[in-house]
């Protein structure tokens, strides 16, 4: 037991305490504080785990969204590349078609020009032959060969 004196102004108060009870209260208080600290630490760990879970979940969702956006962008780039390739192929085909058409027209013009030259030569020969004195003495025989690149004309004068 413990004895304690307290003064309040003119009043003296005598307090008798039970030491064992006070020590028991102190140990109980310490036990409660230890339990409270353990519970606080456990609660802090649970909160940290939960916050970490939320952060990891948020990061996972962000990574999935980034993956979806990247996949969409790659598909978009691929479709643009396919369009460019298709357009280049169409342009090439049109160019080749135009070149072939021009080549065909030039070849046709060259053959026509050669043909006109041969006709002019034939007309000149016919005019001279008709004006010649002995046109009854000989015969003209002509032979024409037309190939893809040449036009040949052979005239023979045959004396009977």
C-alpha atoms as a PDB file:
ATOM      1  CA  UNK A   1       0.000   0.000   0.000  1.00  0.00           C
ATOM      2  CA  UNK A   2       1.140   3.494  -0.654  1.00  0.00           C
ATOM      3  CA  UNK A   3       0.402   6.739   1.123  1.00  0.00           C
ATOM      4  CA  UNK A   4       0.290  10.001  -0.666  1.00  0.00           C
ATOM      5  CA  UNK A   5      -0.510  13.551   0.390  1.00  0.00           C
ATOM      6  CA  UNK A   6      -2.113  16.097  -1.899  1.00  0.00           C
ATOM      7  CA  UNK A   7      -2.823  19.695  -0.943  1.00  0.00           C
ATOM      8  CA  UNK A   8      -5.528  21.773  -2.490  1.00  0.00           C
ATOM      9  CA  UNK A   9      -5.347  25.209  -0.973  1.00  0.00           C
ATOM     10  CA  UNK A  10      -6.116  24.832   2.805  1.00  0.00           C
ATOM     11  CA  UNK A  11      -7.278  21.272   2.295  1.00  0.00           C
ATOM     12  CA  UNK A  12      -4.947  18.340   2.713  1.00  0.00           C
ATOM     13  CA  UNK A  13      -6.028  15.149   1.090  1.00  0.00           C
ATOM     14  CA  UNK A  14      -4.656  11.893   2.191  1.00  0.00           C
ATOM     15  CA  UNK A  15      -4.705   9.269  -0.552  1.00  0.00           C
ATOM     16  CA  UNK A  16      -4.063   5.695   0.234  1.00  0.00           C
ATOM     17  CA  UNK A  17      -3.316   3.585  -2.776  1.00  0.00           C
ATOM     18  CA  UNK A  18      -3.010  -0.063  -3.288  1.00  0.00           C
ATOM     19  CA  UNK A  19       0.425  -0.491  -4.920  1.00  0.00           C
ATOM     20  CA  UNK A  20      -0.354  -3.861  -6.374  1.00  0.00           C
ATOM     21  CA  UNK A  21      -3.439  -2.557  -8.032  1.00  0.00           C
ATOM     22  CA  UNK A  22      -1.510   0.397  -9.456  1.00  0.00           C
ATOM     23  CA  UNK A  23       1.197  -1.894 -10.785  1.00  0.00           C
ATOM     24  CA  UNK A  24      -1.419  -4.192 -12.218  1.00  0.00           C
ATOM     25  CA  UNK A  25      -3.035  -1.217 -13.952  1.00  0.00           C
ATOM     26  CA  UNK A  26       0.381  -0.193 -15.308  1.00  0.00           C
ATOM     27  CA  UNK A  27       1.061  -3.683 -16.675  1.00  0.00           C
ATOM     28  CA  UNK A  28      -2.462  -3.840 -18.111  1.00  0.00           C
ATOM     29  CA  UNK A  29      -1.920  -0.457 -19.691  1.00  0.00           C
ATOM     30  CA  UNK A  30       1.404  -1.606 -21.150  1.00  0.00           C
ATOM     31  CA  UNK A  31      -0.193  -4.786 -22.465  1.00  0.00           C
ATOM     32  CA  UNK A  32      -2.989  -2.742 -24.047  1.00  0.00           C
ATOM     33  CA  UNK A  33      -0.418  -0.408 -25.612  1.00  0.00           C
ATOM     34  CA  UNK A  34       1.557  -3.381 -26.979  1.00  0.00           C
ATOM     35  CA  UNK A  35      -1.627  -4.942 -28.342  1.00  0.00           C
ATOM     36  CA  UNK A  36      -2.644  -1.602 -29.817  1.00  0.00           C
ATOM     37  CA  UNK A  37       0.793  -1.220 -31.432  1.00  0.00           C
ATOM     38  CA  UNK A  38       0.567  -4.746 -32.868  1.00  0.00           C
ATOM     39  CA  UNK A  39      -2.913  -4.059 -34.211  1.00  0.00           C
ATOM     40  CA  UNK A  40      -1.797  -0.723 -35.655  1.00  0.00           C
ATOM     41  CA  UNK A  41       1.194  -2.385 -37.309  1.00  0.00           C
ATOM     42  CA  UNK A  42      -1.040  -5.170 -38.702  1.00  0.00           C
ATOM     43  CA  UNK A  43      -3.562  -2.610 -39.983  1.00  0.00           C
ATOM     44  CA  UNK A  44      -0.733  -0.600 -41.594  1.00  0.00           C
ATOM     45  CA  UNK A  45       0.591  -3.735 -43.310  1.00  0.00           C
ATOM     46  CA  UNK A  46      -2.898  -4.633 -44.577  1.00  0.00           C
ATOM     47  CA  UNK A  47      -3.396  -1.077 -45.870  1.00  0.00           C
ATOM     48  CA  UNK A  48       0.002  -1.135 -47.587  1.00  0.00           C
ATOM     49  CA  UNK A  49      -0.836  -4.502 -49.185  1.00  0.00           C
ATOM     50  CA  UNK A  50      -4.216  -3.207 -50.381  1.00  0.00           C
ATOM     51  CA  UNK A  51      -2.724   0.008 -51.777  1.00  0.00           C
ATOM     52  CA  UNK A  52      -0.047  -2.051 -53.554  1.00  0.00           C
ATOM     53  CA  UNK A  53      -2.761  -4.298 -54.994  1.00  0.00           C
ATOM     54  CA  UNK A  54      -4.665  -1.242 -56.245  1.00  0.00           C
ATOM     55  CA  UNK A  55      -1.511   0.236 -57.789  1.00  0.00           C
ATOM     56  CA  UNK A  56      -0.617  -3.069 -59.474  1.00  0.00           C
ATOM     57  CA  UNK A  57      -4.168  -3.398 -60.785  1.00  0.00           C
ATOM     58  CA  UNK A  58      -4.062   0.174 -62.118  1.00  0.00           C
ATOM     59  CA  UNK A  59      -0.703  -0.483 -63.775  1.00  0.00           C
ATOM     60  CA  UNK A  60      -2.020  -3.705 -65.293  1.00  0.00           C
ATOM     61  CA  UNK A  61      -5.039  -1.882 -66.743  1.00  0.00           C
ATOM     62  CA  UNK A  62      -2.779   0.875 -68.090  1.00  0.00           C
ATOM     63  CA  UNK A  63      -0.470  -1.717 -69.682  1.00  0.00           C
ATOM     64  CA  UNK A  64      -3.428  -3.513 -71.277  1.00  0.00           C
ATOM     65  CA  UNK A  65      -4.787  -0.231 -72.647  1.00  0.00           C
ATOM     66  CA  UNK A  66      -1.349   0.656 -74.003  1.00  0.00           C
ATOM     67  CA  UNK A  67      -1.148  -2.779 -75.651  1.00  0.00           C
ATOM     68  CA  UNK A  68      -4.572  -2.286 -77.255  1.00  0.00           C
ATOM     69  CA  UNK A  69      -3.583   1.161 -78.542  1.00  0.00           C
ATOM     70  CA  UNK A  70      -0.295  -0.205 -79.921  1.00  0.00           C
ATOM     71  CA  UNK A  71      -2.085  -3.056 -81.674  1.00  0.00           C
ATOM     72  CA  UNK A  72      -4.593  -0.606 -83.210  1.00  0.00           C
ATOM     73  CA  UNK A  73      -1.780   1.701 -84.327  1.00  0.00           C
ATOM     74  CA  UNK A  74       0.143  -1.183 -85.934  1.00  0.00           C
ATOM     75  CA  UNK A  75      -2.993  -2.260 -87.814  1.00  0.00           C
ATOM     76  CA  UNK A  76      -3.552   1.328 -88.943  1.00  0.00           C
ATOM     77  CA  UNK A  77       0.046   1.613 -90.168  1.00  0.00           C
ATOM     78  CA  UNK A  78      -0.249  -1.735 -91.934  1.00  0.00           C
ATOM     79  CA  UNK A  79      -3.456  -0.688 -93.707  1.00  0.00           C
ATOM     80  CA  UNK A  80      -1.816   2.606 -94.750  1.00  0.00           C
ATOM     81  CA  UNK A  81       1.171   0.669 -96.082  1.00  0.00           C
ATOM     82  CA  UNK A  82      -1.161  -1.668 -98.010  1.00  0.00           C
ATOM     83  CA  UNK A  83      -2.969   1.347 -99.510  1.00  0.00           C
ATOM     84  CA  UNK A  84       0.351   2.883-100.562  1.00  0.00           C
ATOM     85  CA  UNK A  85       1.460  -0.406-102.121  1.00  0.00           C
ATOM     86  CA  UNK A  86      -1.845  -0.785-103.947  1.00  0.00           C
ATOM     87  CA  UNK A  87      -1.640   2.808-105.208  1.00  0.00           C
ATOM     88  CA  UNK A  88       1.966   2.272-106.359  1.00  0.00           C
ATOM     89  CA  UNK A  89       0.895  -0.900-108.179  1.00  0.00           C
ATOM     90  CA  UNK A  90      -1.995   0.904-109.898  1.00  0.00           C
ATOM     91  CA  UNK A  91       0.313   3.772-110.875  1.00  0.00           C
ATOM     92  CA  UNK A  92       2.886   1.308-112.224  1.00  0.00           C
ATOM     93  CA  UNK A  93       0.236  -0.598-114.187  1.00  0.00           C
ATOM     94  CA  UNK A  94      -1.129   2.636-115.676  1.00  0.00           C
ATOM     95  CA  UNK A  95       2.392   3.744-116.599  1.00  0.00           C
ATOM     96  CA  UNK A  96       3.155   0.409-118.251  1.00  0.00           C
ATOM     97  CA  UNK A  97      -0.169   0.518-120.096  1.00  0.00           C
ATOM     98  CA  UNK A  98       0.582   4.041-121.349  1.00  0.00           C
ATOM     99  CA  UNK A  99       4.105   3.047-122.450  1.00  0.00           C
ATOM    100  CA  UNK A 100       2.789   0.012-124.326  1.00  0.00           C
ATOM    101  CA  UNK A 101       0.139   2.169-126.002  1.00  0.00           C
ATOM    102  CA  UNK A 102       2.750   4.747-127.070  1.00  0.00           C
ATOM    103  CA  UNK A 103       5.055   2.005-128.350  1.00  0.00           C
ATOM    104  CA  UNK A 104       2.192   0.500-130.318  1.00  0.00           C
ATOM    105  CA  UNK A 105       1.288   3.872-131.843  1.00  0.00           C
ATOM    106  CA  UNK A 106       4.919   4.571-132.767  1.00  0.00           C
ATOM    107  CA  UNK A 107       5.294   1.154-134.390  1.00  0.00           C
ATOM    108  CA  UNK A 108       2.039   1.656-136.264  1.00  0.00           C
ATOM    109  CA  UNK A 109       3.191   5.081-137.446  1.00  0.00           C
ATOM    110  CA  UNK A 110       6.583   3.698-138.593  1.00  0.00           C
ATOM    111  CA  UNK A 111       4.945   0.865-140.527  1.00  0.00           C
ATOM    112  CA  UNK A 112       2.441   3.282-142.057  1.00  0.00           C
ATOM    113  CA  UNK A 113       5.310   5.608-143.010  1.00  0.00           C
ATOM    114  CA  UNK A 114       7.202   2.728-144.668  1.00  0.00           C
ATOM    115  CA  UNK A 115       4.041   1.642-146.431  1.00  0.00           C
ATOM    116  CA  UNK A 116       3.538   5.189-147.759  1.00  0.00           C
ATOM    117  CA  UNK A 117       7.155   5.203-148.954  1.00  0.00           C
ATOM    118  CA  UNK A 118       6.644   1.946-150.862  1.00  0.00           C
ATOM    119  CA  UNK A 119       3.378   3.232-152.367  1.00  0.00           C
ATOM    120  CA  UNK A 120       5.099   6.419-153.471  1.00  0.00           C
ATOM    121  CA  UNK A 121       7.879   4.342-155.021  1.00  0.00           C
ATOM    122  CA  UNK A 122       5.302   2.179-156.810  1.00  0.00           C
ATOM    123  CA  UNK A 123       3.507   5.264-158.109  1.00  0.00           C
ATOM    124  CA  UNK A 124       6.793   6.690-159.404  1.00  0.00           C
ATOM    125  CA  UNK A 125       7.670   3.409-161.102  1.00  0.00           C
ATOM    126  CA  UNK A 126       4.192   3.111-162.610  1.00  0.00           C
ATOM    127  CA  UNK A 127       4.340   6.659-163.948  1.00  0.00           C
ATOM    128  CA  UNK A 128       7.746   6.107-165.490  1.00  0.00           C
ATOM    129  CA  UNK A 129       6.735   2.733-166.847  1.00  0.00           C
ATOM    130  CA  UNK A 130       3.621   4.096-168.452  1.00  0.00           C
ATOM    131  CA  UNK A 131       5.632   6.873-170.056  1.00  0.00           C
ATOM    132  CA  UNK A 132       8.301   4.447-171.289  1.00  0.00           C
ATOM    133  CA  UNK A 133       8.329   3.592-175.017  1.00  0.00           C
ATOM    134  CA  UNK A 134       8.631  -0.141-174.629  1.00  0.00           C
ATOM    135  CA  UNK A 135       6.014  -0.800-172.091  1.00  0.00           C
ATOM    136  CA  UNK A 136       4.679  -3.527-174.358  1.00  0.00           C
ATOM    137  CA  UNK A 137       8.051  -5.239-174.472  1.00  0.00           C
ATOM    138  CA  UNK A 138       8.222  -6.185-170.762  1.00  0.00           C
ATOM    139  CA  UNK A 139       6.023  -7.088-167.847  1.00  0.00           C
ATOM    140  CA  UNK A 140       6.187  -5.887-164.260  1.00  0.00           C
ATOM    141  CA  UNK A 141       5.763  -8.362-161.471  1.00  0.00           C
ATOM    142  CA  UNK A 142       5.672  -7.124-157.843  1.00  0.00           C
ATOM    143  CA  UNK A 143       5.981  -8.930-154.566  1.00  0.00           C
ATOM    144  CA  UNK A 144       5.363  -7.367-151.148  1.00  0.00           C
ATOM    145  CA  UNK A 145       6.456  -8.795-147.768  1.00  0.00           C
ATOM    146  CA  UNK A 146       5.130  -7.204-144.547  1.00  0.00           C
ATOM    147  CA  UNK A 147       6.634  -8.248-141.211  1.00  0.00           C
ATOM    148  CA  UNK A 148       6.410  -6.723-137.744  1.00  0.00           C
ATOM    149  CA  UNK A 149       9.545  -4.660-138.263  1.00  0.00           C
ATOM    150  CA  UNK A 150      10.018  -4.481-142.048  1.00  0.00           C
ATOM    151  CA  UNK A 151       8.064  -3.784-145.186  1.00  0.00           C
ATOM    152  CA  UNK A 152       9.753  -5.165-148.318  1.00  0.00           C
ATOM    153  CA  UNK A 153       8.636  -4.710-151.870  1.00  0.00           C
ATOM    154  CA  UNK A 154      10.283  -6.475-154.848  1.00  0.00           C
ATOM    155  CA  UNK A 155       9.605  -5.475-158.460  1.00  0.00           C
ATOM    156  CA  UNK A 156      10.758  -7.600-161.336  1.00  0.00           C
ATOM    157  CA  UNK A 157      10.801  -6.575-164.969  1.00  0.00           C
ATOM    158  CA  UNK A 158      10.244  -9.618-167.148  1.00  0.00           C
ATOM    159  CA  UNK A 159      11.030  -9.522-170.879  1.00  0.00           C
ATOM    160  CA  UNK A 160       8.868 -11.966-172.858  1.00  0.00           C
END
